[in-house]
Amino acid sequence: MTIHNKPEGVRLTPEQEKSRRQRNVAIGVAIALFVALVYVVTIAKLGPAVLVRPL
């Protein structure tokens, strides 16, 4: 039976962790803005008639 030592992985410095967090927040904001843009363009292309429902 062999014992496998588990690798410790990469240890980030506090500066690297802060940089990673800022980058993740920026990516999240960019995705949210893109989704909002697609929504607005879709509603604009459909026009106000999309709210009119036949009885």
N, C-alpha and C. Protein backbone atom coordinates (compact mmCIF):
# COMPACT_ATOMS: atom_id res chain seq x y z
N MET A 1 0.85 -1.18 0.00
CA MET A 1 0.00 0.00 0.00
C MET A 1 0.90 1.24 0.00
N THR A 2 0.64 2.13 -0.93
CA THR A 2 1.44 3.35 -1.00
C THR A 2 0.64 4.53 -0.45
N ILE A 3 1.35 5.43 0.16
CA ILE A 3 0.72 6.64 0.69
C ILE A 3 1.05 7.78 -0.25
N HIS A 4 0.00 8.44 -0.73
CA HIS A 4 0.18 9.57 -1.64
C HIS A 4 0.15 10.87 -0.84
N ASN A 5 1.17 11.65 -1.00
CA ASN A 5 1.18 12.96 -0.35
C ASN A 5 0.35 13.91 -1.18
N LYS A 6 -0.56 14.59 -0.54
CA LYS A 6 -1.44 15.53 -1.22
C LYS A 6 -0.66 16.82 -1.49
N PRO A 7 -0.63 17.29 -2.75
CA PRO A 7 0.08 18.54 -3.02
C PRO A 7 -0.62 19.72 -2.34
N GLU A 8 0.18 20.66 -1.89
CA GLU A 8 -0.38 21.81 -1.17
C GLU A 8 -1.01 22.83 -2.11
N GLY A 9 -0.63 22.85 -3.37
CA GLY A 9 -1.20 23.81 -4.30
C GLY A 9 -0.45 25.13 -4.27
N VAL A 10 -1.04 26.10 -4.92
CA VAL A 10 -0.42 27.42 -5.04
C VAL A 10 -0.88 28.30 -3.90
N ARG A 11 0.04 28.96 -3.27
CA ARG A 11 -0.28 29.92 -2.20
C ARG A 11 -0.15 31.32 -2.78
N LEU A 12 -1.24 32.07 -2.72
CA LEU A 12 -1.24 33.43 -3.25
C LEU A 12 -0.89 34.42 -2.16
N THR A 13 -0.21 35.47 -2.57
CA THR A 13 0.07 36.56 -1.63
C THR A 13 -1.22 37.37 -1.44
N PRO A 14 -1.31 38.14 -0.38
CA PRO A 14 -2.50 38.98 -0.20
C PRO A 14 -2.75 39.92 -1.38
N GLU A 15 -1.68 40.42 -1.99
CA GLU A 15 -1.84 41.30 -3.16
C GLU A 15 -2.46 40.54 -4.33
N GLN A 16 -2.03 39.30 -4.52
CA GLN A 16 -2.58 38.49 -5.61
C GLN A 16 -4.04 38.13 -5.35
N GLU A 17 -4.37 37.84 -4.09
CA GLU A 17 -5.76 37.54 -3.75
C GLU A 17 -6.65 38.75 -4.00
N LYS A 18 -6.16 39.94 -3.63
CA LYS A 18 -6.93 41.17 -3.85
C LYS A 18 -7.11 41.42 -5.34
N SER A 19 -6.05 41.20 -6.11
CA SER A 19 -6.11 41.39 -7.56
C SER A 19 -7.10 40.42 -8.19
N ARG A 20 -7.08 39.17 -7.72
CA ARG A 20 -8.01 38.16 -8.25
C ARG A 20 -9.44 38.55 -7.94
N ARG A 21 -9.68 39.00 -6.71
CA ARG A 21 -11.04 39.40 -6.31
C ARG A 21 -11.53 40.58 -7.16
N GLN A 22 -10.68 41.57 -7.37
CA GLN A 22 -11.06 42.72 -8.19
C GLN A 22 -11.36 42.30 -9.62
N ARG A 23 -10.55 41.40 -10.15
CA ARG A 23 -10.77 40.91 -11.51
C ARG A 23 -12.10 40.15 -11.60
N ASN A 24 -12.40 39.33 -10.60
CA ASN A 24 -13.66 38.59 -10.59
C ASN A 24 -14.86 39.52 -10.51
N VAL A 25 -14.75 40.56 -9.70
CA VAL A 25 -15.84 41.54 -9.59
C VAL A 25 -16.02 42.26 -10.93
N ALA A 26 -14.92 42.65 -11.56
CA ALA A 26 -15.00 43.33 -12.86
C ALA A 26 -15.65 42.44 -13.91
N ILE A 27 -15.30 41.17 -13.93
CA ILE A 27 -15.91 40.24 -14.89
C ILE A 27 -17.40 40.09 -14.60
N GLY A 28 -17.77 39.99 -13.33
CA GLY A 28 -19.18 39.89 -12.96
C GLY A 28 -19.98 41.10 -13.39
N VAL A 29 -19.42 42.28 -13.18
CA VAL A 29 -20.10 43.52 -13.58
C VAL A 29 -20.24 43.58 -15.10
N ALA A 30 -19.19 43.19 -15.82
CA ALA A 30 -19.24 43.20 -17.28
C ALA A 30 -20.31 42.24 -17.80
N ILE A 31 -20.42 41.07 -17.20
CA ILE A 31 -21.45 40.11 -17.63
C ILE A 31 -22.84 40.66 -17.34
N ALA A 32 -23.03 41.26 -16.16
CA ALA A 32 -24.33 41.84 -15.81
C ALA A 32 -24.71 42.96 -16.77
N LEU A 33 -23.75 43.81 -17.13
CA LEU A 33 -24.03 44.88 -18.07
C LEU A 33 -24.37 44.33 -19.46
N PHE A 34 -23.69 43.28 -19.87
CA PHE A 34 -23.98 42.66 -21.17
C PHE A 34 -25.40 42.08 -21.18
N VAL A 35 -25.77 41.40 -20.10
CA VAL A 35 -27.13 40.83 -20.02
C VAL A 35 -28.16 41.94 -20.06
N ALA A 36 -27.93 43.03 -19.32
CA ALA A 36 -28.85 44.16 -19.33
C ALA A 36 -28.95 44.78 -20.73
N LEU A 37 -27.82 44.90 -21.42
CA LEU A 37 -27.82 45.45 -22.77
C LEU A 37 -28.64 44.57 -23.72
N VAL A 38 -28.46 43.26 -23.65
CA VAL A 38 -29.22 42.35 -24.51
C VAL A 38 -30.71 42.46 -24.20
N TYR A 39 -31.07 42.57 -22.92
CA TYR A 39 -32.47 42.72 -22.53
C TYR A 39 -33.07 44.01 -23.11
N VAL A 40 -32.35 45.11 -22.95
CA VAL A 40 -32.86 46.40 -23.44
C VAL A 40 -33.00 46.38 -24.96
N VAL A 41 -32.02 45.85 -25.65
CA VAL A 41 -32.10 45.79 -27.13
C VAL A 41 -33.26 44.90 -27.56
N THR A 42 -33.48 43.80 -26.88
CA THR A 42 -34.60 42.91 -27.22
C THR A 42 -35.93 43.62 -27.03
N ILE A 43 -36.10 44.30 -25.91
CA ILE A 43 -37.35 45.03 -25.66
C ILE A 43 -37.52 46.14 -26.68
N ALA A 44 -36.45 46.83 -27.02
CA ALA A 44 -36.52 47.92 -28.00
C ALA A 44 -36.92 47.39 -29.37
N LYS A 45 -36.41 46.24 -29.77
CA LYS A 45 -36.75 45.67 -31.07
C LYS A 45 -38.19 45.16 -31.09
N LEU A 46 -38.70 44.64 -29.97
CA LEU A 46 -40.06 44.16 -29.93
C LEU A 46 -41.05 45.32 -29.95
N GLY A 47 -40.66 46.42 -29.36
CA GLY A 47 -41.50 47.61 -29.34
C GLY A 47 -42.57 47.56 -28.26
N PRO A 48 -43.34 48.63 -28.15
CA PRO A 48 -44.35 48.70 -27.10
C PRO A 48 -45.51 47.74 -27.32
N ALA A 49 -45.68 47.24 -28.55
CA ALA A 49 -46.80 46.33 -28.84
C ALA A 49 -46.68 45.01 -28.07
N VAL A 50 -45.52 44.70 -27.55
CA VAL A 50 -45.35 43.46 -26.80
C VAL A 50 -46.19 43.45 -25.52
N LEU A 51 -46.53 44.63 -25.02
CA LEU A 51 -47.34 44.73 -23.80
C LEU A 51 -48.84 44.62 -24.09
N VAL A 52 -49.25 44.75 -25.36
CA VAL A 52 -50.66 44.70 -25.71
C VAL A 52 -51.07 43.24 -25.89
N ARG A 53 -51.97 42.81 -25.04
CA ARG A 53 -52.45 41.41 -25.10
C ARG A 53 -53.89 41.38 -25.63
N PRO A 54 -54.17 40.45 -26.52
CA PRO A 54 -55.57 40.33 -26.98
C PRO A 54 -56.46 39.78 -25.86
N LEU A 55 -57.68 40.26 -25.84
CA LEU A 55 -58.61 39.81 -24.79
C LEU A 55 -59.28 38.52 -25.13
